[in-house]
Full PDB file with SEQRES, HELIX, SHEET, SSBOND, CRYST1, ORIGX, SCALE, CONECT and MASTER records, all heavy atoms in Angstrom:
SEQRES   1 A   41  LEU LEU PHE GLY ARG GLY TRP CYS GLY TYR ALA CYS TRP          
SEQRES   2 A   41  THR ALA MET VAL LEU ASP PHE LEU PRO TYR LYS LYS PRO          
SEQRES   3 A   41  GLN ALA ALA ARG LYS LYS ILE GLY PHE ILE ARG TYR ILE          
SEQRES   4 A   41  THR PHE                                                      
HELIX    1 AA1 GLY A    6  TYR A   10  1                                   5    
HELIX    2 AA2 TRP A   13  LEU A   18  1                                   6    
HELIX    3 AA3 ILE A   36  THR A   40  1                                   5    
CRYST1    1.000    1.000    1.000  90.00  90.00  90.00 P 1           1          
ORIGX1      1.000000  0.000000  0.000000        0.00000                         
ORIGX2      0.000000  1.000000  0.000000        0.00000                         
ORIGX3      0.000000  0.000000  1.000000        0.00000                         
SCALE1      1.000000  0.000000  0.000000        0.00000                         
SCALE2      0.000000  1.000000  0.000000        0.00000                         
SCALE3      0.000000  0.000000  1.000000        0.00000                         
ATOM      1  N   LEU A   1     142.026 120.518 122.162  1.00  0.00           N  
ATOM      2  CA  LEU A   1     142.511 121.916 122.150  1.00  0.00           C  
ATOM      3  C   LEU A   1     141.661 122.671 121.043  1.00  0.00           C  
ATOM      4  O   LEU A   1     141.510 123.910 121.164  1.00  0.00           O  
ATOM      5  CB  LEU A   1     143.998 121.897 121.709  1.00  0.00           C  
ATOM      6  CG  LEU A   1     144.956 121.497 122.729  1.00  0.00           C  
ATOM      7  CD1 LEU A   1     146.346 121.364 122.127  1.00  0.00           C  
ATOM      8  CD2 LEU A   1     144.969 122.510 123.964  1.00  0.00           C  
ATOM      9  N   LEU A   2     141.166 121.987 120.046  1.00  0.00           N  
ATOM     10  CA  LEU A   2     140.310 122.639 119.099  1.00  0.00           C  
ATOM     11  C   LEU A   2     138.814 122.529 119.369  1.00  0.00           C  
ATOM     12  O   LEU A   2     138.108 123.466 119.488  1.00  0.00           O  
ATOM     13  CB  LEU A   2     140.615 122.071 117.733  1.00  0.00           C  
ATOM     14  CG  LEU A   2     139.695 122.437 116.539  1.00  0.00           C  
ATOM     15  CD1 LEU A   2     139.799 124.055 116.333  1.00  0.00           C  
ATOM     16  CD2 LEU A   2     140.013 121.704 115.279  1.00  0.00           C  
ATOM     17  N   PHE A   3     138.334 121.245 119.589  1.00  0.00           N  
ATOM     18  CA  PHE A   3     136.939 121.061 119.755  1.00  0.00           C  
ATOM     19  C   PHE A   3     136.493 120.487 121.074  1.00  0.00           C  
ATOM     20  O   PHE A   3     135.403 120.031 121.313  1.00  0.00           O  
ATOM     21  CB  PHE A   3     136.394 120.091 118.648  1.00  0.00           C  
ATOM     22  CG  PHE A   3     137.231 118.846 118.495  1.00  0.00           C  
ATOM     23  CD1 PHE A   3     137.192 117.808 119.379  1.00  0.00           C  
ATOM     24  CD2 PHE A   3     138.102 118.781 117.389  1.00  0.00           C  
ATOM     25  CE1 PHE A   3     137.994 116.646 119.247  1.00  0.00           C  
ATOM     26  CE2 PHE A   3     138.840 117.643 117.213  1.00  0.00           C  
ATOM     27  CZ  PHE A   3     138.769 116.548 118.122  1.00  0.00           C  
ATOM     28  N   GLY A   4     137.337 120.672 122.119  1.00  0.00           N  
ATOM     29  CA  GLY A   4     136.885 120.378 123.477  1.00  0.00           C  
ATOM     30  C   GLY A   4     136.478 118.903 123.684  1.00  0.00           C  
ATOM     31  O   GLY A   4     137.119 118.045 123.154  1.00  0.00           O  
ATOM     32  N   ARG A   5     135.411 118.759 124.401  1.00  0.00           N  
ATOM     33  CA  ARG A   5     134.835 117.362 124.662  1.00  0.00           C  
ATOM     34  C   ARG A   5     133.916 116.901 123.630  1.00  0.00           C  
ATOM     35  O   ARG A   5     132.969 116.183 123.887  1.00  0.00           O  
ATOM     36  CB  ARG A   5     134.201 117.399 126.061  1.00  0.00           C  
ATOM     37  CG  ARG A   5     135.131 117.559 127.192  1.00  0.00           C  
ATOM     38  CD  ARG A   5     135.728 116.272 127.705  1.00  0.00           C  
ATOM     39  NE  ARG A   5     134.786 115.321 128.231  1.00  0.00           N  
ATOM     40  CZ  ARG A   5     134.339 115.322 129.438  1.00  0.00           C  
ATOM     41  NH1 ARG A   5     134.820 116.099 130.338  1.00  0.00           N  
ATOM     42  NH2 ARG A   5     133.463 114.446 129.864  1.00  0.00           N  
ATOM     43  N   GLY A   6     134.105 117.422 122.354  1.00  0.00           N  
ATOM     44  CA  GLY A   6     133.232 117.055 121.223  1.00  0.00           C  
ATOM     45  C   GLY A   6     133.149 115.567 121.060  1.00  0.00           C  
ATOM     46  O   GLY A   6     132.123 115.025 120.746  1.00  0.00           O  
ATOM     47  N   TRP A   7     134.257 114.883 121.359  1.00  0.00           N  
ATOM     48  CA  TRP A   7     134.261 113.393 121.236  1.00  0.00           C  
ATOM     49  C   TRP A   7     133.117 112.783 122.084  1.00  0.00           C  
ATOM     50  O   TRP A   7     132.409 111.930 121.607  1.00  0.00           O  
ATOM     51  CB  TRP A   7     135.596 112.824 121.797  1.00  0.00           C  
ATOM     52  CG  TRP A   7     135.531 111.439 122.182  1.00  0.00           C  
ATOM     53  CD1 TRP A   7     135.335 110.979 123.482  1.00  0.00           C  
ATOM     54  CD2 TRP A   7     135.547 110.322 121.347  1.00  0.00           C  
ATOM     55  NE1 TRP A   7     135.205 109.548 123.422  1.00  0.00           N  
ATOM     56  CE2 TRP A   7     135.391 109.113 122.139  1.00  0.00           C  
ATOM     57  CE3 TRP A   7     135.555 110.098 119.964  1.00  0.00           C  
ATOM     58  CZ2 TRP A   7     135.291 107.891 121.693  1.00  0.00           C  
ATOM     59  CZ3 TRP A   7     135.577 108.837 119.516  1.00  0.00           C  
ATOM     60  CH2 TRP A   7     135.392 107.697 120.276  1.00  0.00           C  
ATOM     61  N   CYS A   8     132.919 113.343 123.277  1.00  0.00           N  
ATOM     62  CA  CYS A   8     131.931 112.783 124.198  1.00  0.00           C  
ATOM     63  C   CYS A   8     130.513 112.983 123.699  1.00  0.00           C  
ATOM     64  O   CYS A   8     129.629 112.208 123.907  1.00  0.00           O  
ATOM     65  CB  CYS A   8     132.096 113.398 125.612  1.00  0.00           C  
ATOM     66  SG  CYS A   8     133.730 113.211 126.328  1.00  0.00           S  
ATOM     67  N   GLY A   9     130.350 114.131 123.041  1.00  0.00           N  
ATOM     68  CA  GLY A   9     129.060 114.468 122.560  1.00  0.00           C  
ATOM     69  C   GLY A   9     128.629 113.813 121.219  1.00  0.00           C  
ATOM     70  O   GLY A   9     127.485 113.633 120.929  1.00  0.00           O  
ATOM     71  N   TYR A  10     129.618 113.417 120.376  1.00  0.00           N  
ATOM     72  CA  TYR A  10     129.349 113.107 119.045  1.00  0.00           C  
ATOM     73  C   TYR A  10     129.890 111.775 118.561  1.00  0.00           C  
ATOM     74  O   TYR A  10     129.522 111.325 117.470  1.00  0.00           O  
ATOM     75  CB  TYR A  10     129.815 114.151 117.970  1.00  0.00           C  
ATOM     76  CG  TYR A  10     129.088 115.511 118.168  1.00  0.00           C  
ATOM     77  CD1 TYR A  10     129.446 116.366 119.184  1.00  0.00           C  
ATOM     78  CD2 TYR A  10     128.080 115.850 117.351  1.00  0.00           C  
ATOM     79  CE1 TYR A  10     128.781 117.614 119.314  1.00  0.00           C  
ATOM     80  CE2 TYR A  10     127.383 116.982 117.457  1.00  0.00           C  
ATOM     81  CZ  TYR A  10     127.709 117.896 118.473  1.00  0.00           C  
ATOM     82  OH  TYR A  10     127.018 119.077 118.621  1.00  0.00           O  
ATOM     83  N   ALA A  11     130.801 111.188 119.276  1.00  0.00           N  
ATOM     84  CA  ALA A  11     131.456 109.978 118.724  1.00  0.00           C  
ATOM     85  C   ALA A  11     131.570 108.804 119.839  1.00  0.00           C  
ATOM     86  O   ALA A  11     131.778 107.680 119.323  1.00  0.00           O  
ATOM     87  CB  ALA A  11     132.829 110.392 118.255  1.00  0.00           C  
ATOM     88  N   CYS A  12     131.435 109.030 121.061  1.00  0.00           N  
ATOM     89  CA  CYS A  12     131.620 107.959 122.106  1.00  0.00           C  
ATOM     90  C   CYS A  12     130.564 106.916 121.912  1.00  0.00           C  
ATOM     91  O   CYS A  12     129.383 107.238 122.041  1.00  0.00           O  
ATOM     92  CB  CYS A  12     131.603 108.591 123.448  1.00  0.00           C  
ATOM     93  SG  CYS A  12     131.715 107.263 124.719  1.00  0.00           S  
ATOM     94  N   TRP A  13     130.899 105.651 121.775  1.00  0.00           N  
ATOM     95  CA  TRP A  13     129.983 104.584 121.564  1.00  0.00           C  
ATOM     96  C   TRP A  13     129.297 104.125 122.856  1.00  0.00           C  
ATOM     97  O   TRP A  13     128.239 103.560 122.892  1.00  0.00           O  
ATOM     98  CB  TRP A  13     130.552 103.378 120.852  1.00  0.00           C  
ATOM     99  CG  TRP A  13     131.795 102.830 121.559  1.00  0.00           C  
ATOM    100  CD1 TRP A  13     131.809 101.939 122.498  1.00  0.00           C  
ATOM    101  CD2 TRP A  13     133.135 103.199 121.255  1.00  0.00           C  
ATOM    102  NE1 TRP A  13     133.151 101.669 122.888  1.00  0.00           N  
ATOM    103  CE2 TRP A  13     133.953 102.416 122.073  1.00  0.00           C  
ATOM    104  CE3 TRP A  13     133.763 104.069 120.298  1.00  0.00           C  
ATOM    105  CZ2 TRP A  13     135.319 102.482 122.061  1.00  0.00           C  
ATOM    106  CZ3 TRP A  13     135.184 104.122 120.290  1.00  0.00           C  
ATOM    107  CH2 TRP A  13     135.956 103.350 121.147  1.00  0.00           C  
ATOM    108  N   THR A  14     129.964 104.537 124.011  1.00  0.00           N  
ATOM    109  CA  THR A  14     129.200 104.281 125.286  1.00  0.00           C  
ATOM    110  C   THR A  14     128.158 105.290 125.524  1.00  0.00           C  
ATOM    111  O   THR A  14     126.971 104.903 125.754  1.00  0.00           O  
ATOM    112  CB  THR A  14     130.292 104.367 126.459  1.00  0.00           C  
ATOM    113  OG1 THR A  14     131.359 103.452 126.206  1.00  0.00           O  
ATOM    114  CG2 THR A  14     129.523 104.078 127.826  1.00  0.00           C  
ATOM    115  N   ALA A  15     128.401 106.554 125.353  1.00  0.00           N  
ATOM    116  CA  ALA A  15     127.440 107.609 125.424  1.00  0.00           C  
ATOM    117  C   ALA A  15     126.356 107.514 124.326  1.00  0.00           C  
ATOM    118  O   ALA A  15     125.232 107.887 124.642  1.00  0.00           O  
ATOM    119  CB  ALA A  15     128.113 108.941 125.345  1.00  0.00           C  
ATOM    120  N   MET A  16     126.720 106.880 123.215  1.00  0.00           N  
ATOM    121  CA  MET A  16     125.796 106.693 122.189  1.00  0.00           C  
ATOM    122  C   MET A  16     124.522 105.870 122.684  1.00  0.00           C  
ATOM    123  O   MET A  16     123.364 106.252 122.333  1.00  0.00           O  
ATOM    124  CB  MET A  16     126.390 105.954 121.054  1.00  0.00           C  
ATOM    125  CG  MET A  16     125.503 105.445 119.946  1.00  0.00           C  
ATOM    126  SD  MET A  16     126.423 104.468 118.728  1.00  0.00           S  
ATOM    127  CE  MET A  16     126.605 102.924 119.706  1.00  0.00           C  
ATOM    128  N   VAL A  17     124.760 104.950 123.509  1.00  0.00           N  
ATOM    129  CA  VAL A  17     123.739 104.150 124.068  1.00  0.00           C  
ATOM    130  C   VAL A  17     123.046 104.826 125.265  1.00  0.00           C  
ATOM    131  O   VAL A  17     121.878 104.846 125.407  1.00  0.00           O  
ATOM    132  CB  VAL A  17     124.261 102.676 124.532  1.00  0.00           C  
ATOM    133  CG1 VAL A  17     123.186 101.942 125.303  1.00  0.00           C  
ATOM    134  CG2 VAL A  17     124.669 101.928 123.280  1.00  0.00           C  
ATOM    135  N   LEU A  18     123.940 105.331 126.135  1.00  0.00           N  
ATOM    136  CA  LEU A  18     123.399 106.045 127.332  1.00  0.00           C  
ATOM    137  C   LEU A  18     122.496 107.304 127.071  1.00  0.00           C  
ATOM    138  O   LEU A  18     121.527 107.522 127.792  1.00  0.00           O  
ATOM    139  CB  LEU A  18     124.590 106.447 128.262  1.00  0.00           C  
ATOM    140  CG  LEU A  18     125.515 105.332 128.758  1.00  0.00           C  
ATOM    141  CD1 LEU A  18     126.634 105.985 129.571  1.00  0.00           C  
ATOM    142  CD2 LEU A  18     124.732 104.330 129.476  1.00  0.00           C  
ATOM    143  N   ASP A  19     122.647 107.930 126.014  1.00  0.00           N  
ATOM    144  CA  ASP A  19     121.920 109.098 125.643  1.00  0.00           C  
ATOM    145  C   ASP A  19     120.471 108.706 125.174  1.00  0.00           C  
ATOM    146  O   ASP A  19     119.647 109.594 125.073  1.00  0.00           O  
ATOM    147  CB  ASP A  19     122.593 109.887 124.527  1.00  0.00           C  
ATOM    148  CG  ASP A  19     123.594 110.884 125.085  1.00  0.00           C  
ATOM    149  OD1 ASP A  19     123.684 111.005 126.385  1.00  0.00           O  
ATOM    150  OD2 ASP A  19     124.315 111.428 124.272  1.00  0.00           O  
ATOM    151  N   PHE A  20     120.267 107.441 124.921  1.00  0.00           N  
ATOM    152  CA  PHE A  20     118.869 106.959 124.622  1.00  0.00           C  
ATOM    153  C   PHE A  20     118.101 106.649 125.818  1.00  0.00           C  
ATOM    154  O   PHE A  20     116.841 106.426 125.755  1.00  0.00           O  
ATOM    155  CB  PHE A  20     118.905 105.833 123.668  1.00  0.00           C  
ATOM    156  CG  PHE A  20     119.241 106.115 122.272  1.00  0.00           C  
ATOM    157  CD1 PHE A  20     120.506 105.854 121.746  1.00  0.00           C  
ATOM    158  CD2 PHE A  20     118.294 106.612 121.436  1.00  0.00           C  
ATOM    159  CE1 PHE A  20     120.746 106.219 120.396  1.00  0.00           C  
ATOM    160  CE2 PHE A  20     118.542 106.953 120.139  1.00  0.00           C  
ATOM    161  CZ  PHE A  20     119.749 106.761 119.622  1.00  0.00           C  
ATOM    162  N   LEU A  21     118.718 106.704 127.052  1.00  0.00           N  
ATOM    163  CA  LEU A  21     117.978 106.409 128.320  1.00  0.00           C  
ATOM    164  C   LEU A  21     117.113 107.669 128.616  1.00  0.00           C  
ATOM    165  O   LEU A  21     117.278 108.740 128.064  1.00  0.00           O  
ATOM    166  CB  LEU A  21     118.971 106.123 129.413  1.00  0.00           C  
ATOM    167  CG  LEU A  21     119.871 104.823 129.088  1.00  0.00           C  
ATOM    168  CD1 LEU A  21     120.858 104.661 130.293  1.00  0.00           C  
ATOM    169  CD2 LEU A  21     119.025 103.608 128.991  1.00  0.00           C  
ATOM    170  N   PRO A  22     116.234 107.505 129.565  1.00  0.00           N  
ATOM    171  CA  PRO A  22     115.163 108.519 129.809  1.00  0.00           C  
ATOM    172  C   PRO A  22     115.607 109.793 130.478  1.00  0.00           C  
ATOM    173  O   PRO A  22     114.926 110.795 130.442  1.00  0.00           O  
ATOM    174  CB  PRO A  22     114.142 107.788 130.655  1.00  0.00           C  
ATOM    175  CG  PRO A  22     114.824 106.644 131.288  1.00  0.00           C  
ATOM    176  CD  PRO A  22     115.867 106.235 130.319  1.00  0.00           C  
ATOM    177  N   TYR A  23     116.776 109.792 131.202  1.00  0.00           N  
ATOM    178  CA  TYR A  23     117.217 110.957 131.971  1.00  0.00           C  
ATOM    179  C   TYR A  23     118.185 111.864 131.231  1.00  0.00           C  
ATOM    180  O   TYR A  23     119.289 112.015 131.630  1.00  0.00           O  
ATOM    181  CB  TYR A  23     117.770 110.446 133.344  1.00  0.00           C  
ATOM    182  CG  TYR A  23     116.884 109.513 134.069  1.00  0.00           C  
ATOM    183  CD1 TYR A  23     117.126 108.176 134.187  1.00  0.00           C  
ATOM    184  CD2 TYR A  23     115.666 110.051 134.656  1.00  0.00           C  
ATOM    185  CE1 TYR A  23     116.240 107.356 134.861  1.00  0.00           C  
ATOM    186  CE2 TYR A  23     114.842 109.201 135.347  1.00  0.00           C  
ATOM    187  CZ  TYR A  23     115.176 107.849 135.444  1.00  0.00           C  
ATOM    188  OH  TYR A  23     114.290 107.016 136.130  1.00  0.00           O  
ATOM    189  N   LYS A  24     117.691 112.481 130.217  1.00  0.00           N  
ATOM    190  CA  LYS A  24     118.556 113.352 129.404  1.00  0.00           C  
ATOM    191  C   LYS A  24     118.858 114.602 130.131  1.00  0.00           C  
ATOM    192  O   LYS A  24     119.888 115.221 129.919  1.00  0.00           O  
ATOM    193  CB  LYS A  24     117.833 113.614 128.011  1.00  0.00           C  
ATOM    194  CG  LYS A  24     117.600 112.446 127.210  1.00  0.00           C  
ATOM    195  CD  LYS A  24     116.784 112.686 125.979  1.00  0.00           C  
ATOM    196  CE  LYS A  24     116.607 111.404 125.164  1.00  0.00           C  
ATOM    197  NZ  LYS A  24     115.987 110.290 125.853  1.00  0.00           N  
ATOM    198  N   LYS A  25     117.980 115.113 131.003  1.00  0.00           N  
ATOM    199  CA  LYS A  25     118.196 116.270 131.834  1.00  0.00           C  
ATOM    200  C   LYS A  25     118.467 115.669 133.266  1.00  0.00           C  
ATOM    201  O   LYS A  25     117.659 114.973 133.791  1.00  0.00           O  
ATOM    202  CB  LYS A  25     116.984 117.180 131.918  1.00  0.00           C  
ATOM    203  CG  LYS A  25     116.612 117.703 130.586  1.00  0.00           C  
ATOM    204  CD  LYS A  25     115.319 118.502 130.696  1.00  0.00           C  
ATOM    205  CE  LYS A  25     114.835 119.022 129.354  1.00  0.00           C  
ATOM    206  NZ  LYS A  25     113.621 119.827 129.458  1.00  0.00           N  
ATOM    207  N   PRO A  26     119.615 115.956 133.846  1.00  0.00           N  
ATOM    208  CA  PRO A  26     119.911 115.451 135.218  1.00  0.00           C  
ATOM    209  C   PRO A  26     118.788 115.863 136.194  1.00  0.00           C  
ATOM    210  O   PRO A  26     118.327 116.975 136.280  1.00  0.00           O  
ATOM    211  CB  PRO A  26     121.249 116.136 135.587  1.00  0.00           C  
ATOM    212  CG  PRO A  26     121.852 116.462 134.214  1.00  0.00           C  
ATOM    213  CD  PRO A  26     120.712 116.803 133.314  1.00  0.00           C  
ATOM    214  N   GLN A  27     118.373 114.822 136.927  1.00  0.00           N  
ATOM    215  CA  GLN A  27     117.177 115.044 137.876  1.00  0.00           C  
ATOM    216  C   GLN A  27     117.596 115.416 139.223  1.00  0.00           C  
ATOM    217  O   GLN A  27     116.835 115.685 140.137  1.00  0.00           O  
ATOM    218  CB  GLN A  27     116.334 113.770 137.904  1.00  0.00           C  
ATOM    219  CG  GLN A  27     115.843 113.364 136.551  1.00  0.00           C  
ATOM    220  CD  GLN A  27     114.888 114.356 135.922  1.00  0.00           C  
ATOM    221  OE1 GLN A  27     113.856 114.792 136.526  1.00  0.00           O  
ATOM    222  NE2 GLN A  27     115.179 114.864 134.647  1.00  0.00           N  
ATOM    223  N   ALA A  28     118.928 115.343 139.555  1.00  0.00           N  
ATOM    224  CA  ALA A  28     119.461 115.599 140.860  1.00  0.00           C  
ATOM    225  C   ALA A  28     120.785 116.381 140.764  1.00  0.00           C  
ATOM    226  O   ALA A  28     121.391 116.455 139.681  1.00  0.00           O  
ATOM    227  CB  ALA A  28     119.672 114.280 141.623  1.00  0.00           C  
ATOM    228  N   ALA A  29     121.212 116.863 141.901  1.00  0.00           N  
ATOM    229  CA  ALA A  29     122.456 117.594 141.917  1.00  0.00           C  
ATOM    230  C   ALA A  29     123.673 116.659 141.674  1.00  0.00           C  
ATOM    231  O   ALA A  29     123.556 115.442 141.980  1.00  0.00           O  
ATOM    232  CB  ALA A  29     122.653 118.235 143.339  1.00  0.00           C  
ATOM    233  N   ARG A  30     124.715 117.180 141.164  1.00  0.00           N  
ATOM    234  CA  ARG A  30     125.877 116.439 140.778  1.00  0.00           C  
ATOM    235  C   ARG A  30     126.521 115.922 142.062  1.00  0.00           C  
ATOM    236  O   ARG A  30     126.737 116.596 143.065  1.00  0.00           O  
ATOM    237  CB  ARG A  30     126.847 117.295 140.013  1.00  0.00           C  
ATOM    238  CG  ARG A  30     128.043 116.455 139.422  1.00  0.00           C  
ATOM    239  CD  ARG A  30     128.740 117.328 138.397  1.00  0.00           C  
ATOM    240  NE  ARG A  30     129.884 116.676 137.900  1.00  0.00           N  
ATOM    241  CZ  ARG A  30     130.235 116.725 136.614  1.00  0.00           C  
ATOM    242  NH1 ARG A  30     129.539 117.355 135.736  1.00  0.00           N  
ATOM    243  NH2 ARG A  30     131.363 116.093 136.182  1.00  0.00           N  
ATOM    244  N   LYS A  31     126.965 114.670 142.021  1.00  0.00           N  
ATOM    245  CA  LYS A  31     127.596 113.968 143.208  1.00  0.00           C  
ATOM    246  C   LYS A  31     129.085 114.330 143.212  1.00  0.00           C  
ATOM    247  O   LYS A  31     129.699 114.616 142.161  1.00  0.00           O  
ATOM    248  CB  LYS A  31     127.378 112.471 143.135  1.00  0.00           C  
ATOM    249  CG  LYS A  31     125.957 111.985 142.762  1.00  0.00           C  
ATOM    250  CD  LYS A  31     124.940 112.429 143.817  1.00  0.00           C  
ATOM    251  CE  LYS A  31     123.605 111.947 143.442  1.00  0.00           C  
ATOM    252  NZ  LYS A  31     122.482 112.395 144.382  1.00  0.00           N  
ATOM    253  N   LYS A  32     129.586 114.272 144.428  1.00  0.00           N  
ATOM    254  CA  LYS A  32     131.132 114.602 144.540  1.00  0.00           C  
ATOM    255  C   LYS A  32     131.897 113.216 144.588  1.00  0.00           C  
ATOM    256  O   LYS A  32     132.552 113.054 145.536  1.00  0.00           O  
ATOM    257  CB  LYS A  32     131.275 115.346 145.815  1.00  0.00           C  
ATOM    258  CG  LYS A  32     130.633 116.762 145.783  1.00  0.00           C  
ATOM    259  CD  LYS A  32     130.946 117.551 146.954  1.00  0.00           C  
ATOM    260  CE  LYS A  32     130.282 118.896 146.987  1.00  0.00           C  
ATOM    261  NZ  LYS A  32     130.541 119.742 148.130  1.00  0.00           N  
ATOM    262  N   ILE A  33     131.740 112.503 143.563  1.00  0.00           N  
ATOM    263  CA  ILE A  33     132.385 111.188 143.433  1.00  0.00           C  
ATOM    264  C   ILE A  33     133.224 111.092 142.191  1.00  0.00           C  
ATOM    265  O   ILE A  33     133.583 109.969 141.668  1.00  0.00           O  
ATOM    266  CB  ILE A  33     131.447 109.969 143.606  1.00  0.00           C  
ATOM    267  CG1 ILE A  33     130.353 110.061 142.538  1.00  0.00           C  
ATOM    268  CG2 ILE A  33     130.880 109.916 144.986  1.00  0.00           C  
ATOM    269  CD1 ILE A  33     129.446 108.865 142.502  1.00  0.00           C  
ATOM    270  N   GLY A  34     133.590 112.241 141.638  1.00  0.00           N  
ATOM    271  CA  GLY A  34     134.323 112.269 140.376  1.00  0.00           C  
ATOM    272  C   GLY A  34     135.696 111.582 140.556  1.00  0.00           C  
ATOM    273  O   GLY A  34     136.354 111.313 139.461  1.00  0.00           O  
ATOM    274  N   PHE A  35     136.218 111.404 141.748  1.00  0.00           N  
ATOM    275  CA  PHE A  35     137.535 110.794 142.001  1.00  0.00           C  
ATOM    276  C   PHE A  35     137.605 109.370 141.436  1.00  0.00           C  
ATOM    277  O   PHE A  35     138.673 108.813 141.222  1.00  0.00           O  
ATOM    278  CB  PHE A  35     137.798 110.821 143.395  1.00  0.00           C  
ATOM    279  CG  PHE A  35     136.946 109.973 144.345  1.00  0.00           C  
ATOM    280  CD1 PHE A  35     137.233 108.665 144.533  1.00  0.00           C  
ATOM    281  CD2 PHE A  35     135.845 110.514 144.861  1.00  0.00           C  
ATOM    282  CE1 PHE A  35     136.422 107.870 145.299  1.00  0.00           C  
ATOM    283  CE2 PHE A  35     134.944 109.728 145.636  1.00  0.00           C  
ATOM    284  CZ  PHE A  35     135.262 108.379 145.880  1.00  0.00           C  
ATOM    285  N   ILE A  36     136.455 108.770 141.320  1.00  0.00           N  
ATOM    286  CA  ILE A  36     136.377 107.350 140.835  1.00  0.00           C  
ATOM    287  C   ILE A  36     137.076 107.201 139.462  1.00  0.00           C  
ATOM    288  O   ILE A  36     137.675 106.213 139.069  1.00  0.00           O  
ATOM    289  CB  ILE A  36     134.943 106.789 140.808  1.00  0.00           C  
ATOM    290  CG1 ILE A  36     134.380 106.843 142.199  1.00  0.00           C  
ATOM    291  CG2 ILE A  36     134.895 105.414 140.270  1.00  0.00           C  
ATOM    292  CD1 ILE A  36     132.902 106.395 142.260  1.00  0.00           C  
ATOM    293  N   ARG A  37     136.942 108.246 138.540  1.00  0.00           N  
ATOM    294  CA  ARG A  37     137.468 108.140 137.274  1.00  0.00           C  
ATOM    295  C   ARG A  37     138.996 107.996 137.315  1.00  0.00           C  
ATOM    296  O   ARG A  37     139.583 107.401 136.423  1.00  0.00           O  
ATOM    297  CB  ARG A  37     137.081 109.464 136.522  1.00  0.00           C  
ATOM    298  CG  ARG A  37     137.693 110.661 136.989  1.00  0.00           C  
ATOM    299  CD  ARG A  37     137.317 111.897 136.125  1.00  0.00           C  
ATOM    300  NE  ARG A  37     136.025 112.426 136.534  1.00  0.00           N  
ATOM    301  CZ  ARG A  37     135.338 113.366 135.858  1.00  0.00           C  
ATOM    302  NH1 ARG A  37     135.957 113.949 134.862  1.00  0.00           N  
ATOM    303  NH2 ARG A  37     134.201 113.801 136.382  1.00  0.00           N  
ATOM    304  N   TYR A  38     139.614 108.568 138.393  1.00  0.00           N  
ATOM    305  CA  TYR A  38     141.038 108.461 138.502  1.00  0.00           C  
ATOM    306  C   TYR A  38     141.441 106.940 138.861  1.00  0.00           C  
ATOM    307  O   TYR A  38     142.535 106.531 138.519  1.00  0.00           O  
ATOM    308  CB  TYR A  38     141.588 109.386 139.588  1.00  0.00           C  
ATOM    309  CG  TYR A  38     141.457 110.833 139.098  1.00  0.00           C  
ATOM    310  CD1 TYR A  38     140.310 111.586 139.529  1.00  0.00           C  
ATOM    311  CD2 TYR A  38     142.364 111.453 138.222  1.00  0.00           C  
ATOM    312  CE1 TYR A  38     140.164 112.936 139.084  1.00  0.00           C  
ATOM    313  CE2 TYR A  38     142.165 112.777 137.822  1.00  0.00           C  
ATOM    314  CZ  TYR A  38     141.118 113.503 138.260  1.00  0.00           C  
ATOM    315  OH  TYR A  38     140.946 114.785 137.852  1.00  0.00           O  
ATOM    316  N   ILE A  39     140.586 106.417 139.628  1.00  0.00           N  
ATOM    317  CA  ILE A  39     140.747 104.994 139.986  1.00  0.00           C  
ATOM    318  C   ILE A  39     140.652 104.064 138.793  1.00  0.00           C  
ATOM    319  O   ILE A  39     141.506 103.167 138.558  1.00  0.00           O  
ATOM    320  CB  ILE A  39     139.717 104.558 141.043  1.00  0.00           C  
ATOM    321  CG1 ILE A  39     139.951 105.329 142.313  1.00  0.00           C  
ATOM    322  CG2 ILE A  39     139.902 103.010 141.336  1.00  0.00           C  
ATOM    323  CD1 ILE A  39     138.909 105.044 143.519  1.00  0.00           C  
ATOM    324  N   THR A  40     139.633 104.254 137.897  1.00  0.00           N  
ATOM    325  CA  THR A  40     139.507 103.434 136.719  1.00  0.00           C  
ATOM    326  C   THR A  40     140.661 103.706 135.749  1.00  0.00           C  
ATOM    327  O   THR A  40     141.061 102.864 135.032  1.00  0.00           O  
ATOM    328  CB  THR A  40     138.163 103.675 136.063  1.00  0.00           C  
ATOM    329  OG1 THR A  40     137.979 105.055 135.832  1.00  0.00           O  
ATOM    330  CG2 THR A  40     137.013 103.258 136.942  1.00  0.00           C  
ATOM    331  N   PHE A  41     141.178 104.946 135.673  1.00  0.00           N  
ATOM    332  CA  PHE A  41     142.296 105.334 134.847  1.00  0.00           C  
ATOM    333  C   PHE A  41     143.478 104.572 135.298  1.00  0.00           C  
ATOM    334  O   PHE A  41     144.151 103.973 134.473  1.00  0.00           O  
ATOM    335  CB  PHE A  41     142.522 106.852 134.942  1.00  0.00           C  
ATOM    336  CG  PHE A  41     143.663 107.380 134.080  1.00  0.00           C  
ATOM    337  CD1 PHE A  41     143.424 107.695 132.777  1.00  0.00           C  
ATOM    338  CD2 PHE A  41     144.885 107.525 134.584  1.00  0.00           C  
ATOM    339  CE1 PHE A  41     144.393 108.182 131.982  1.00  0.00           C  
ATOM    340  CE2 PHE A  41     145.944 107.921 133.797  1.00  0.00           C  
ATOM    341  CZ  PHE A  41     145.662 108.315 132.462  1.00  0.00           C  
TER     342      PHE A  41                                                      
MASTER        0    0    0    3    0    0    0    6  341    1    0    4          
END                                                                             
């Protein structure tokens, strides 16, 4: 409510590693498979 998704950008230890990979700028259009997150949840 205060800092939005700041956790994802500054503290997540999964993203901490992923952000070191070479594709910092998305190279393709976003996929319509976001529903998978609800399955993992």
